[in-house]
Amino acid sequence: MRLRVWHIKLVHIVFFFLLSGCMLYTLVSGAFNNITPWTWGAIAVIVVEVLVLAVFRGRCPFTILAEQLGAVNGRVSDIFLPRWISDRILPIYGTLFAIGCALVTVRVLQQ
């Protein structure tokens, strides 16, 4: 089977939902003082994603791969997410994740 841009977009949306779940889980865990090993796992997943983006200078590896496979602009989220959402993912999710981490930190220090 030949890898196509559509396959990359599908994998990317799966990762998007995984990372969204991790971000929300961190936020909810901190908000409701329910810190579990899953909380630390969710935080670790997001930290790995941040490191991957840092290594690739802010560009998602899936975007680079999509461009190599012939995508016009490499945007791998266009097919599944409206552009106005995909353009604002990092600031919105980054802020929510930072709030979640702050809440988790406060809860852990209170114990």
N, C-alpha and C. Protein backbone atom coordinates (compact mmCIF):
# COMPACT_ATOMS: atom_id res chain seq x y z
N MET A 1 0.84 -1.18 0.00
CA MET A 1 0.00 0.00 0.00
C MET A 1 0.88 1.24 0.00
N ARG A 2 0.55 2.16 -0.85
CA ARG A 2 1.31 3.39 -0.97
C ARG A 2 0.78 4.43 0.01
N LEU A 3 1.70 5.06 0.74
CA LEU A 3 1.33 6.09 1.70
C LEU A 3 0.86 7.33 0.95
N ARG A 4 -0.29 7.84 1.35
CA ARG A 4 -0.85 9.01 0.69
C ARG A 4 -1.09 10.11 1.70
N VAL A 5 -1.30 11.31 1.19
CA VAL A 5 -1.55 12.46 2.05
C VAL A 5 -2.75 12.19 2.95
N TRP A 6 -3.78 11.54 2.43
CA TRP A 6 -4.98 11.26 3.22
C TRP A 6 -4.64 10.39 4.43
N HIS A 7 -3.73 9.42 4.26
CA HIS A 7 -3.31 8.58 5.38
C HIS A 7 -2.62 9.42 6.46
N ILE A 8 -1.78 10.35 6.02
CA ILE A 8 -1.08 11.22 6.97
C ILE A 8 -2.10 12.06 7.74
N LYS A 9 -3.09 12.59 7.03
CA LYS A 9 -4.12 13.39 7.69
C LYS A 9 -4.91 12.56 8.70
N LEU A 10 -5.18 11.33 8.37
CA LEU A 10 -5.92 10.46 9.28
C LEU A 10 -5.11 10.19 10.55
N VAL A 11 -3.84 9.87 10.39
CA VAL A 11 -2.98 9.62 11.55
C VAL A 11 -2.85 10.90 12.37
N HIS A 12 -2.73 12.03 11.69
CA HIS A 12 -2.60 13.30 12.38
C HIS A 12 -3.83 13.61 13.23
N ILE A 13 -5.01 13.35 12.73
CA ILE A 13 -6.22 13.64 13.50
C ILE A 13 -6.33 12.70 14.70
N VAL A 14 -5.85 11.47 14.56
CA VAL A 14 -5.83 10.55 15.70
C VAL A 14 -4.91 11.11 16.79
N PHE A 15 -3.72 11.58 16.40
CA PHE A 15 -2.80 12.19 17.35
C PHE A 15 -3.40 13.46 17.95
N PHE A 16 -4.11 14.24 17.13
CA PHE A 16 -4.75 15.45 17.62
C PHE A 16 -5.74 15.12 18.74
N PHE A 17 -6.57 14.10 18.53
CA PHE A 17 -7.54 13.74 19.56
C PHE A 17 -6.85 13.15 20.81
N LEU A 18 -5.79 12.39 20.62
CA LEU A 18 -5.03 11.87 21.75
C LEU A 18 -4.45 13.02 22.58
N LEU A 19 -3.82 13.97 21.91
CA LEU A 19 -3.22 15.11 22.62
C LEU A 19 -4.30 15.98 23.25
N SER A 20 -5.44 16.13 22.58
CA SER A 20 -6.55 16.89 23.15
C SER A 20 -7.04 16.23 24.43
N GLY A 21 -7.16 14.92 24.39
CA GLY A 21 -7.59 14.18 25.58
C GLY A 21 -6.60 14.32 26.72
N CYS A 22 -5.32 14.27 26.40
CA CYS A 22 -4.29 14.43 27.44
C CYS A 22 -4.33 15.82 28.05
N MET A 23 -4.51 16.83 27.21
CA MET A 23 -4.59 18.20 27.70
C MET A 23 -5.81 18.36 28.60
N LEU A 24 -6.96 17.88 28.16
CA LEU A 24 -8.18 18.00 28.96
C LEU A 24 -8.08 17.20 30.25
N TYR A 25 -7.49 16.01 30.18
CA TYR A 25 -7.33 15.19 31.38
C TYR A 25 -6.46 15.90 32.42
N THR A 26 -5.40 16.54 31.95
CA THR A 26 -4.53 17.28 32.86
C THR A 26 -5.29 18.43 33.51
N LEU A 27 -6.03 19.16 32.72
CA LEU A 27 -6.81 20.29 33.22
C LEU A 27 -7.86 19.85 34.23
N VAL A 28 -8.61 18.80 33.90
CA VAL A 28 -9.65 18.30 34.79
C VAL A 28 -9.05 17.69 36.06
N SER A 29 -7.96 16.97 35.92
CA SER A 29 -7.30 16.38 37.09
C SER A 29 -6.88 17.46 38.08
N GLY A 30 -6.30 18.52 37.56
CA GLY A 30 -5.90 19.61 38.43
C GLY A 30 -7.08 20.34 39.02
N ALA A 31 -8.11 20.57 38.23
CA ALA A 31 -9.27 21.31 38.70
C ALA A 31 -10.02 20.56 39.79
N PHE A 32 -10.10 19.25 39.68
CA PHE A 32 -10.86 18.46 40.64
C PHE A 32 -10.00 17.71 41.65
N ASN A 33 -8.71 18.07 41.70
CA ASN A 33 -7.78 17.45 42.65
C ASN A 33 -7.82 15.93 42.59
N ASN A 34 -7.76 15.42 41.39
CA ASN A 34 -7.78 13.98 41.17
C ASN A 34 -6.50 13.59 40.42
N ILE A 35 -5.37 13.75 41.08
CA ILE A 35 -4.07 13.47 40.46
C ILE A 35 -3.79 11.97 40.56
N THR A 36 -3.65 11.34 39.41
CA THR A 36 -3.42 9.90 39.33
C THR A 36 -2.20 9.65 38.44
N PRO A 37 -1.77 8.40 38.34
CA PRO A 37 -0.71 8.10 37.38
C PRO A 37 -1.10 8.48 35.94
N TRP A 38 -2.38 8.44 35.64
CA TRP A 38 -2.83 8.85 34.30
C TRP A 38 -2.56 10.33 34.06
N THR A 39 -2.66 11.11 35.10
CA THR A 39 -2.36 12.54 34.98
C THR A 39 -0.91 12.73 34.56
N TRP A 40 0.00 12.04 35.23
CA TRP A 40 1.43 12.16 34.89
C TRP A 40 1.70 11.63 33.49
N GLY A 41 0.99 10.56 33.10
CA GLY A 41 1.14 10.05 31.73
C GLY A 41 0.66 11.04 30.70
N ALA A 42 -0.46 11.70 30.98
CA ALA A 42 -0.99 12.70 30.05
C ALA A 42 -0.02 13.88 29.92
N ILE A 43 0.54 14.30 31.04
CA ILE A 43 1.51 15.39 31.00
C ILE A 43 2.74 14.96 30.20
N ALA A 44 3.19 13.74 30.41
CA ALA A 44 4.36 13.24 29.68
C ALA A 44 4.12 13.21 28.17
N VAL A 45 2.93 12.80 27.76
CA VAL A 45 2.61 12.75 26.33
C VAL A 45 2.70 14.15 25.73
N ILE A 46 2.15 15.14 26.43
CA ILE A 46 2.20 16.52 25.93
C ILE A 46 3.64 17.03 25.89
N VAL A 47 4.42 16.71 26.92
CA VAL A 47 5.82 17.15 26.94
C VAL A 47 6.59 16.54 25.76
N VAL A 48 6.34 15.28 25.46
CA VAL A 48 6.99 14.64 24.31
C VAL A 48 6.59 15.36 23.02
N GLU A 49 5.33 15.72 22.89
CA GLU A 49 4.87 16.45 21.70
C GLU A 49 5.58 17.80 21.59
N VAL A 50 5.73 18.50 22.70
CA VAL A 50 6.43 19.78 22.70
C VAL A 50 7.89 19.59 22.27
N LEU A 51 8.52 18.54 22.77
CA LEU A 51 9.91 18.25 22.38
C LEU A 51 10.02 17.93 20.89
N VAL A 52 9.07 17.17 20.38
CA VAL A 52 9.07 16.85 18.94
C VAL A 52 8.94 18.13 18.13
N LEU A 53 8.02 18.99 18.52
CA LEU A 53 7.87 20.27 17.80
C LEU A 53 9.12 21.13 17.92
N ALA A 54 9.79 21.08 19.06
CA ALA A 54 11.03 21.85 19.22
C ALA A 54 12.12 21.32 18.29
N VAL A 55 12.23 20.00 18.22
CA VAL A 55 13.24 19.40 17.34
C VAL A 55 12.99 19.76 15.88
N PHE A 56 11.72 19.83 15.49
CA PHE A 56 11.37 20.15 14.10
C PHE A 56 11.08 21.64 13.90
N ARG A 57 11.58 22.46 14.82
CA ARG A 57 11.48 23.92 14.73
C ARG A 57 10.05 24.42 14.57
N GLY A 58 9.17 23.85 15.37
CA GLY A 58 7.78 24.30 15.38
C GLY A 58 6.89 23.72 14.31
N ARG A 59 7.44 22.87 13.49
CA ARG A 59 6.64 22.24 12.43
C ARG A 59 6.37 20.80 12.79
N CYS A 60 5.14 20.41 12.60
CA CYS A 60 4.75 19.03 12.87
C CYS A 60 5.41 18.11 11.83
N PRO A 61 5.97 16.99 12.27
CA PRO A 61 6.57 16.05 11.31
C PRO A 61 5.56 15.54 10.28
N PHE A 62 4.29 15.47 10.67
CA PHE A 62 3.26 15.04 9.72
C PHE A 62 3.08 16.06 8.61
N THR A 63 3.22 17.34 8.93
CA THR A 63 3.14 18.39 7.92
C THR A 63 4.28 18.25 6.92
N ILE A 64 5.46 18.02 7.42
CA ILE A 64 6.63 17.85 6.56
C ILE A 64 6.43 16.64 5.65
N LEU A 65 5.95 15.54 6.22
CA LEU A 65 5.72 14.33 5.43
C LEU A 65 4.64 14.56 4.38
N ALA A 66 3.58 15.25 4.75
CA ALA A 66 2.50 15.53 3.78
C ALA A 66 3.03 16.36 2.61
N GLU A 67 3.88 17.32 2.88
CA GLU A 67 4.47 18.13 1.82
C GLU A 67 5.36 17.28 0.92
N GLN A 68 6.10 16.36 1.51
CA GLN A 68 6.96 15.47 0.72
C GLN A 68 6.13 14.55 -0.18
N LEU A 69 4.91 14.25 0.27
CA LEU A 69 4.04 13.38 -0.52
C LEU A 69 3.21 14.15 -1.53
N GLY A 70 3.38 15.48 -1.58
CA GLY A 70 2.72 16.26 -2.60
C GLY A 70 1.59 17.16 -2.15
N ALA A 71 1.36 17.28 -0.86
CA ALA A 71 0.33 18.21 -0.39
C ALA A 71 0.72 19.62 -0.78
N VAL A 72 -0.25 20.42 -1.15
CA VAL A 72 0.02 21.77 -1.63
C VAL A 72 0.72 22.61 -0.58
N ASN A 73 0.19 22.62 0.64
CA ASN A 73 0.80 23.45 1.66
C ASN A 73 1.20 22.66 2.90
N GLY A 74 0.96 21.38 2.91
CA GLY A 74 1.37 20.55 4.03
C GLY A 74 0.45 20.57 5.21
N ARG A 75 -0.60 21.37 5.16
CA ARG A 75 -1.54 21.44 6.29
C ARG A 75 -2.29 20.11 6.35
N VAL A 76 -2.04 19.36 7.39
CA VAL A 76 -2.63 18.03 7.47
C VAL A 76 -3.96 18.03 8.21
N SER A 77 -4.38 19.16 8.74
CA SER A 77 -5.63 19.18 9.49
C SER A 77 -6.80 19.73 8.67
N ASP A 78 -6.55 20.23 7.48
CA ASP A 78 -7.59 20.87 6.69
C ASP A 78 -8.79 19.98 6.45
N ILE A 79 -8.56 18.72 6.21
CA ILE A 79 -9.65 17.83 5.84
C ILE A 79 -10.60 17.55 7.00
N PHE A 80 -10.14 17.67 8.22
CA PHE A 80 -10.94 17.30 9.38
C PHE A 80 -11.30 18.46 10.30
N LEU A 81 -10.54 19.52 10.28
CA LEU A 81 -10.79 20.66 11.17
C LEU A 81 -10.92 21.93 10.35
N PRO A 82 -11.82 22.82 10.75
CA PRO A 82 -11.85 24.12 10.08
C PRO A 82 -10.53 24.85 10.29
N ARG A 83 -10.15 25.61 9.32
CA ARG A 83 -8.86 26.30 9.38
C ARG A 83 -8.74 27.23 10.59
N TRP A 84 -9.82 27.92 10.94
CA TRP A 84 -9.75 28.86 12.06
C TRP A 84 -9.44 28.15 13.37
N ILE A 85 -9.83 26.88 13.48
CA ILE A 85 -9.48 26.11 14.67
C ILE A 85 -8.01 25.68 14.59
N SER A 86 -7.63 25.12 13.47
CA SER A 86 -6.26 24.61 13.36
C SER A 86 -5.22 25.72 13.46
N ASP A 87 -5.57 26.95 13.06
CA ASP A 87 -4.64 28.07 13.18
C ASP A 87 -4.43 28.51 14.62
N ARG A 88 -5.36 28.15 15.50
CA ARG A 88 -5.29 28.63 16.88
C ARG A 88 -5.05 27.50 17.91
N ILE A 89 -4.76 26.33 17.44
CA ILE A 89 -4.60 25.19 18.34
C ILE A 89 -3.49 25.42 19.37
N LEU A 90 -2.32 25.81 18.93
CA LEU A 90 -1.19 25.95 19.86
C LEU A 90 -1.44 26.99 20.94
N PRO A 91 -1.91 28.19 20.62
CA PRO A 91 -2.15 29.15 21.71
C PRO A 91 -3.26 28.72 22.66
N ILE A 92 -4.33 28.18 22.13
CA ILE A 92 -5.45 27.75 22.98
C ILE A 92 -5.04 26.57 23.85
N TYR A 93 -4.53 25.52 23.22
CA TYR A 93 -4.16 24.32 23.96
C TYR A 93 -2.98 24.57 24.88
N GLY A 94 -2.04 25.40 24.44
CA GLY A 94 -0.89 25.72 25.29
C GLY A 94 -1.32 26.42 26.57
N THR A 95 -2.25 27.35 26.43
CA THR A 95 -2.76 28.06 27.60
C THR A 95 -3.51 27.12 28.53
N LEU A 96 -4.40 26.30 27.97
CA LEU A 96 -5.16 25.36 28.79
C LEU A 96 -4.25 24.35 29.48
N PHE A 97 -3.23 23.89 28.76
CA PHE A 97 -2.29 22.93 29.35
C PHE A 97 -1.49 23.59 30.47
N ALA A 98 -1.07 24.83 30.26
CA ALA A 98 -0.33 25.54 31.31
C ALA A 98 -1.20 25.73 32.56
N ILE A 99 -2.46 26.05 32.36
CA ILE A 99 -3.38 26.18 33.50
C ILE A 99 -3.52 24.83 34.21
N GLY A 100 -3.68 23.76 33.42
CA GLY A 100 -3.79 22.42 34.00
C GLY A 100 -2.55 22.06 34.80
N CYS A 101 -1.38 22.33 34.26
CA CYS A 101 -0.12 22.02 34.97
C CYS A 101 0.00 22.86 36.24
N ALA A 102 -0.42 24.11 36.16
CA ALA A 102 -0.38 24.96 37.36
C ALA A 102 -1.31 24.40 38.43
N LEU A 103 -2.50 23.98 38.03
CA LEU A 103 -3.44 23.40 38.99
C LEU A 103 -2.89 22.11 39.60
N VAL A 104 -2.31 21.27 38.76
CA VAL A 104 -1.71 20.02 39.26
C VAL A 104 -0.59 20.34 40.24
N THR A 105 0.24 21.30 39.90
CA THR A 105 1.35 21.69 40.78
C THR A 105 0.83 22.18 42.13
N VAL A 106 -0.18 23.03 42.11
CA VAL A 106 -0.76 23.54 43.35
C VAL A 106 -1.32 22.40 44.18
N ARG A 107 -2.05 21.47 43.53
CA ARG A 107 -2.64 20.34 44.27
C ARG A 107 -1.58 19.46 44.89
N VAL A 108 -0.51 19.19 44.15
CA VAL A 108 0.56 18.34 44.66
C VAL A 108 1.27 19.02 45.82
N LEU A 109 1.51 20.32 45.71
CA LEU A 109 2.18 21.04 46.80
C LEU A 109 1.31 21.17 48.03
N GLN A 110 0.00 21.14 47.87
CA GLN A 110 -0.90 21.23 49.01
C GLN A 110 -0.94 19.93 49.82
N GLN A 111 -0.55 18.85 49.20
CA GLN A 111 -0.62 17.55 49.89
C GLN A 111 0.52 17.36 50.84
